[in-house]
Amino acid sequence: MTDMHQQCRLLLEQLEATMKSEGMWETIPPSSSALQSTEPFAVDTLHCTQWLQWIFIPRLLWILAENMPLPAAMAISPYVEESMKGLAGQPAILSVTRQLDELFKK
């Protein structure tokens, strides 16, 4: 596992912990049809935090588990910033997603 893979795993764990501490971690998954969205960020079927929890985090964890190459570039923070505007947990979650974005710029 590369250093970047390890950093990514740590940030994903931090993102999960932050979402839990902010009360934005769900125990019941969205419907399977909601998870099958083809829209970017599943904007037509999921809230931002649902997308992070049920699609983004699991997909990156799968990539890490399979030791596959990580995305060459990523920028999810603009979406998180806009879609969570005004929500109490937005600053803490945005802080972690910005760190993830920075990691993928390297």
Protein backbone atom coordinates (compact mmCIF):
# COMPACT_ATOMS: atom_id res chain seq x y z
CA MET A 1 0.00 0.00 0.00
CA THR A 2 1.43 3.36 -1.01
CA ASP A 3 1.71 6.35 1.28
CA MET A 4 -1.07 8.01 -0.71
CA HIS A 5 -3.28 4.96 -0.16
CA GLN A 6 -2.62 5.14 3.59
CA GLN A 7 -3.34 8.87 3.71
CA CYS A 8 -6.55 8.32 1.77
CA ARG A 9 -7.70 5.58 4.17
CA LEU A 10 -7.01 7.83 7.17
CA LEU A 11 -8.96 10.69 5.63
CA LEU A 12 -11.90 8.41 4.80
CA GLU A 13 -11.92 7.21 8.41
CA GLN A 14 -11.81 10.84 9.53
CA LEU A 15 -14.68 11.71 7.21
CA GLU A 16 -16.80 8.87 8.62
CA ALA A 17 -15.98 9.87 12.20
CA THR A 18 -16.81 13.51 11.45
CA MET A 19 -20.12 12.62 9.86
CA LYS A 20 -20.98 10.46 12.88
CA SER A 21 -20.02 13.18 15.38
CA GLU A 22 -22.11 15.71 13.43
CA GLY A 23 -25.12 13.36 13.47
CA MET A 24 -25.04 12.91 9.70
CA TRP A 25 -24.34 9.17 9.56
CA GLU A 26 -27.39 7.07 8.72
CA THR A 27 -28.14 3.55 9.89
CA ILE A 28 -30.63 2.71 7.14
CA PRO A 29 -29.35 2.75 3.55
CA PRO A 30 -31.27 4.49 0.77
CA SER A 31 -33.25 2.33 -1.63
CA SER A 32 -31.29 0.34 -4.18
CA SER A 33 -32.81 2.44 -6.95
CA ALA A 34 -31.55 5.63 -5.27
CA LEU A 35 -28.06 4.14 -5.18
CA GLN A 36 -28.20 3.34 -8.92
CA SER A 37 -28.35 6.97 -10.01
CA THR A 38 -26.23 7.85 -13.03
CA GLU A 39 -26.17 11.56 -12.21
CA PRO A 40 -22.96 13.08 -10.81
CA PHE A 41 -23.01 12.80 -7.00
CA ALA A 42 -26.41 11.06 -7.40
CA VAL A 43 -27.94 14.52 -7.04
CA ASP A 44 -31.27 13.31 -8.31
CA THR A 45 -31.72 10.67 -5.60
CA LEU A 46 -29.39 11.31 -2.63
CA HIS A 47 -28.47 14.11 -0.26
CA CYS A 48 -24.77 14.99 -0.15
CA THR A 49 -24.16 13.15 3.11
CA GLN A 50 -25.93 10.07 1.75
CA TRP A 51 -23.72 10.15 -1.34
CA LEU A 52 -20.62 10.45 0.83
CA GLN A 53 -21.69 7.60 3.12
CA TRP A 54 -23.22 5.13 0.69
CA ILE A 55 -21.28 5.73 -2.54
CA PHE A 56 -18.12 7.80 -2.15
CA ILE A 57 -16.57 6.26 0.99
CA PRO A 58 -17.38 2.62 0.06
CA ARG A 59 -16.10 3.06 -3.50
CA LEU A 60 -12.77 4.52 -2.38
CA LEU A 61 -12.42 1.87 0.33
CA TRP A 62 -12.97 -0.80 -2.33
CA ILE A 63 -10.27 0.78 -4.52
CA LEU A 64 -7.93 0.76 -1.52
CA ALA A 65 -8.76 -2.84 -0.59
CA GLU A 66 -8.11 -3.99 -4.15
CA ASN A 67 -4.89 -1.93 -4.22
CA MET A 68 -6.05 -0.29 -7.42
CA PRO A 69 -4.80 3.07 -8.65
CA LEU A 70 -6.49 6.02 -7.00
CA PRO A 71 -8.18 8.67 -9.13
CA ALA A 72 -5.72 11.03 -10.79
CA ALA A 73 -7.72 14.09 -9.80
CA MET A 74 -10.75 14.74 -7.68
CA ALA A 75 -12.66 17.76 -6.48
CA ILE A 76 -15.67 16.98 -4.33
CA SER A 77 -15.39 19.97 -2.00
CA PRO A 78 -17.22 22.44 -4.26
CA TYR A 79 -20.19 20.06 -4.31
CA VAL A 80 -20.05 19.52 -0.54
CA GLU A 81 -19.75 23.25 0.10
CA GLU A 82 -22.72 24.13 -2.09
CA SER A 83 -25.04 21.26 -1.24
CA MET A 84 -24.49 21.51 2.52
CA LYS A 85 -24.63 25.30 2.67
CA GLY A 86 -26.17 26.39 5.96
CA LEU A 87 -26.04 22.95 7.61
CA ALA A 88 -24.39 22.77 11.02
CA GLY A 89 -21.94 20.00 10.11
CA GLN A 90 -20.83 21.53 6.83
CA PRO A 91 -17.59 23.20 8.04
CA ALA A 92 -16.24 20.03 9.68
CA ILE A 93 -17.13 17.77 6.75
CA LEU A 94 -15.85 20.31 4.24
CA SER A 95 -12.53 20.45 6.07
CA VAL A 96 -12.00 16.71 5.50
CA THR A 97 -13.17 16.74 1.88
CA ARG A 98 -10.78 19.61 1.14
CA GLN A 99 -7.93 17.49 2.54
CA LEU A 100 -9.01 14.63 0.27
CA ASP A 101 -9.08 16.97 -2.73
CA GLU A 102 -5.57 18.19 -1.86
CA LEU A 103 -4.32 14.62 -1.56
CA PHE A 104 -5.50 13.87 -5.09
CA LYS A 105 -3.78 16.95 -6.51
CA LYS A 106 -0.37 15.48 -5.64
